[in-house]
Amino acid sequence: MAIAATDDDETIVKQILNHRTINLKRKNSHDFLVQFIDGSDCWLAYKDIKNNEALDKYLETLDSKSEVRKLFS
């Protein structure tokens, strides 16, 4: 079960839908669109989702030549 921290609450993550990048060379400049088990979604910074199984699964879906995938591998 994947959990993400959002402020003081923890919510179960269903999947990651997308990402956006400010600076390709820095992990901390990536945000991920997270969908929660209750159907809600929001953008979370990498630092808030970095140890989440859903992130690993999402990164696996990216092209192996993707700069984002390379950065997080």
N, C-alpha and C. Protein backbone atom coordinates (compact mmCIF):
# COMPACT_ATOMS: atom_id res chain seq x y z
N MET A 1 0.84 -1.17 0.00
CA MET A 1 0.00 0.00 0.00
C MET A 1 0.89 1.24 0.00
N ALA A 2 0.69 2.13 -0.93
CA ALA A 2 1.51 3.33 -1.06
C ALA A 2 0.88 4.49 -0.32
N ILE A 3 1.67 5.19 0.44
CA ILE A 3 1.17 6.32 1.22
C ILE A 3 2.02 7.55 0.92
N ALA A 4 1.36 8.70 0.81
CA ALA A 4 2.08 9.96 0.59
C ALA A 4 1.76 10.91 1.73
N ALA A 5 2.74 11.70 2.10
CA ALA A 5 2.53 12.70 3.14
C ALA A 5 2.03 13.98 2.52
N THR A 6 0.94 14.49 3.04
CA THR A 6 0.43 15.78 2.60
C THR A 6 0.15 16.58 3.87
N ASP A 7 1.00 17.54 4.17
CA ASP A 7 0.95 18.30 5.41
C ASP A 7 1.06 17.32 6.59
N ASP A 8 0.06 17.32 7.46
CA ASP A 8 0.11 16.43 8.62
C ASP A 8 -0.62 15.12 8.38
N ASP A 9 -1.29 14.99 7.26
CA ASP A 9 -2.07 13.80 6.97
C ASP A 9 -1.29 12.86 6.05
N GLU A 10 -1.67 11.60 6.10
CA GLU A 10 -1.14 10.63 5.15
C GLU A 10 -2.31 10.04 4.40
N THR A 11 -2.16 9.90 3.10
CA THR A 11 -3.24 9.42 2.26
C THR A 11 -2.71 8.31 1.36
N ILE A 12 -3.54 7.33 1.08
CA ILE A 12 -3.14 6.22 0.24
C ILE A 12 -3.13 6.65 -1.23
N VAL A 13 -2.01 6.39 -1.90
CA VAL A 13 -1.83 6.75 -3.29
C VAL A 13 -2.30 5.60 -4.17
N LYS A 14 -3.13 5.93 -5.16
CA LYS A 14 -3.57 4.92 -6.13
C LYS A 14 -2.55 4.81 -7.25
N GLN A 15 -2.19 5.98 -7.82
CA GLN A 15 -1.22 5.99 -8.92
C GLN A 15 -0.72 7.41 -9.16
N ILE A 16 0.35 7.49 -9.92
CA ILE A 16 0.86 8.79 -10.37
C ILE A 16 0.48 8.93 -11.84
N LEU A 17 -0.10 10.08 -12.17
CA LEU A 17 -0.65 10.29 -13.50
C LEU A 17 0.27 11.05 -14.45
N ASN A 18 1.10 11.93 -13.90
CA ASN A 18 1.91 12.79 -14.76
C ASN A 18 3.02 13.42 -13.94
N HIS A 19 3.88 14.14 -14.61
CA HIS A 19 4.93 14.90 -13.91
C HIS A 19 5.17 16.22 -14.63
N ARG A 20 5.75 17.15 -13.89
CA ARG A 20 6.19 18.41 -14.49
C ARG A 20 7.56 18.73 -13.92
N THR A 21 8.35 19.39 -14.73
CA THR A 21 9.75 19.61 -14.40
C THR A 21 10.10 21.08 -14.50
N ILE A 22 10.82 21.56 -13.52
CA ILE A 22 11.34 22.93 -13.55
C ILE A 22 12.79 22.90 -14.04
N ASN A 23 13.56 21.95 -13.52
CA ASN A 23 14.97 21.81 -13.89
C ASN A 23 15.27 20.33 -14.02
N LEU A 24 15.56 19.86 -15.22
CA LEU A 24 15.78 18.44 -15.47
C LEU A 24 16.93 17.83 -14.68
N LYS A 25 17.87 18.63 -14.26
CA LYS A 25 19.07 18.10 -13.62
C LYS A 25 18.93 17.93 -12.10
N ARG A 26 17.81 18.41 -11.53
CA ARG A 26 17.63 18.35 -10.07
C ARG A 26 16.37 17.57 -9.72
N LYS A 27 16.50 16.53 -8.93
CA LYS A 27 15.35 15.73 -8.52
C LYS A 27 14.31 16.57 -7.78
N ASN A 28 14.77 17.49 -6.95
CA ASN A 28 13.85 18.28 -6.14
C ASN A 28 13.08 19.33 -6.93
N SER A 29 13.29 19.40 -8.22
CA SER A 29 12.54 20.36 -9.02
C SER A 29 11.49 19.66 -9.89
N HIS A 30 11.04 18.49 -9.44
CA HIS A 30 10.01 17.73 -10.14
C HIS A 30 8.77 17.61 -9.26
N ASP A 31 7.62 17.80 -9.88
CA ASP A 31 6.35 17.58 -9.21
C ASP A 31 5.63 16.44 -9.91
N PHE A 32 4.82 15.71 -9.16
CA PHE A 32 4.10 14.57 -9.70
C PHE A 32 2.61 14.71 -9.39
N LEU A 33 1.79 14.45 -10.41
CA LEU A 33 0.34 14.48 -10.24
C LEU A 33 -0.08 13.14 -9.67
N VAL A 34 -0.50 13.17 -8.42
CA VAL A 34 -0.81 11.96 -7.67
C VAL A 34 -2.32 11.80 -7.56
N GLN A 35 -2.79 10.59 -7.86
CA GLN A 35 -4.21 10.26 -7.67
C GLN A 35 -4.31 9.39 -6.43
N PHE A 36 -5.18 9.80 -5.53
CA PHE A 36 -5.36 9.08 -4.27
C PHE A 36 -6.49 8.06 -4.40
N ILE A 37 -6.53 7.15 -3.48
CA ILE A 37 -7.50 6.06 -3.49
C ILE A 37 -8.95 6.59 -3.46
N ASP A 38 -9.15 7.78 -2.90
CA ASP A 38 -10.51 8.34 -2.85
C ASP A 38 -10.90 9.04 -4.15
N GLY A 39 -10.01 9.01 -5.16
CA GLY A 39 -10.30 9.61 -6.46
C GLY A 39 -9.81 11.05 -6.61
N SER A 40 -9.41 11.67 -5.53
CA SER A 40 -8.89 13.04 -5.62
C SER A 40 -7.46 13.00 -6.15
N ASP A 41 -7.00 14.13 -6.67
CA ASP A 41 -5.62 14.20 -7.12
C ASP A 41 -5.06 15.58 -6.85
N CYS A 42 -3.74 15.63 -6.76
CA CYS A 42 -3.04 16.91 -6.54
C CYS A 42 -1.58 16.74 -6.94
N TRP A 43 -0.93 17.86 -7.16
CA TRP A 43 0.49 17.86 -7.48
C TRP A 43 1.28 17.82 -6.17
N LEU A 44 2.24 16.90 -6.10
CA LEU A 44 3.13 16.82 -4.95
C LEU A 44 4.57 16.93 -5.40
N ALA A 45 5.37 17.57 -4.60
CA ALA A 45 6.81 17.68 -4.87
C ALA A 45 7.46 16.31 -4.70
N TYR A 46 8.55 16.11 -5.39
CA TYR A 46 9.30 14.85 -5.29
C TYR A 46 9.58 14.48 -3.84
N LYS A 47 9.96 15.45 -3.03
CA LYS A 47 10.32 15.16 -1.64
C LYS A 47 9.15 14.54 -0.86
N ASP A 48 7.93 14.79 -1.30
CA ASP A 48 6.76 14.25 -0.61
C ASP A 48 6.33 12.88 -1.12
N ILE A 49 6.88 12.45 -2.23
CA ILE A 49 6.46 11.20 -2.86
C ILE A 49 7.64 10.25 -3.13
N LYS A 50 8.85 10.68 -2.78
CA LYS A 50 10.06 9.98 -3.21
C LYS A 50 10.17 8.53 -2.75
N ASN A 51 9.62 8.17 -1.64
CA ASN A 51 9.74 6.79 -1.16
C ASN A 51 8.46 6.01 -1.37
N ASN A 52 7.80 6.28 -2.46
CA ASN A 52 6.49 5.70 -2.72
C ASN A 52 6.56 4.70 -3.87
N GLU A 53 5.97 3.56 -3.67
CA GLU A 53 5.95 2.50 -4.69
C GLU A 53 5.29 2.98 -5.99
N ALA A 54 4.29 3.84 -5.87
CA ALA A 54 3.60 4.36 -7.05
C ALA A 54 4.55 5.17 -7.93
N LEU A 55 5.51 5.86 -7.33
CA LEU A 55 6.50 6.61 -8.11
C LEU A 55 7.36 5.66 -8.92
N ASP A 56 7.80 4.59 -8.30
CA ASP A 56 8.61 3.60 -9.02
C ASP A 56 7.85 3.03 -10.22
N LYS A 57 6.59 2.71 -10.01
CA LYS A 57 5.76 2.17 -11.09
C LYS A 57 5.59 3.20 -12.21
N TYR A 58 5.37 4.45 -11.83
CA TYR A 58 5.20 5.50 -12.84
C TYR A 58 6.47 5.67 -13.67
N LEU A 59 7.61 5.72 -13.01
CA LEU A 59 8.87 5.91 -13.72
C LEU A 59 9.14 4.77 -14.70
N GLU A 60 8.71 3.57 -14.35
CA GLU A 60 8.87 2.41 -15.24
C GLU A 60 8.07 2.57 -16.53
N THR A 61 7.00 3.37 -16.48
CA THR A 61 6.17 3.56 -17.67
C THR A 61 6.78 4.54 -18.66
N LEU A 62 7.76 5.32 -18.20
CA LEU A 62 8.39 6.31 -19.07
C LEU A 62 9.38 5.63 -20.02
N ASP A 63 9.59 6.23 -21.16
CA ASP A 63 10.56 5.74 -22.13
C ASP A 63 11.92 5.59 -21.45
N SER A 64 12.62 4.53 -21.73
CA SER A 64 13.92 4.28 -21.09
C SER A 64 14.94 5.36 -21.40
N LYS A 65 14.72 6.12 -22.47
CA LYS A 65 15.63 7.22 -22.83
C LYS A 65 15.20 8.55 -22.22
N SER A 66 14.09 8.55 -21.51
CA SER A 66 13.57 9.77 -20.90
C SER A 66 14.58 10.32 -19.88
N GLU A 67 14.82 11.61 -19.95
CA GLU A 67 15.75 12.26 -19.01
C GLU A 67 15.24 12.14 -17.58
N VAL A 68 13.93 12.20 -17.40
CA VAL A 68 13.36 12.08 -16.07
C VAL A 68 13.61 10.67 -15.52
N ARG A 69 13.37 9.67 -16.31
CA ARG A 69 13.60 8.29 -15.87
C ARG A 69 15.08 8.07 -15.53
N LYS A 70 15.97 8.59 -16.35
CA LYS A 70 17.41 8.45 -16.10
C LYS A 70 17.79 9.11 -14.78
N LEU A 71 17.23 10.28 -14.51
CA LEU A 71 17.56 11.02 -13.29
C LEU A 71 17.18 10.23 -12.04
N PHE A 72 16.03 9.57 -12.09
CA PHE A 72 15.54 8.87 -10.91
C PHE A 72 15.97 7.41 -10.83
N SER A 73 16.71 6.93 -11.82
CA SER A 73 17.16 5.53 -11.81
C SER A 73 18.42 5.34 -11.00
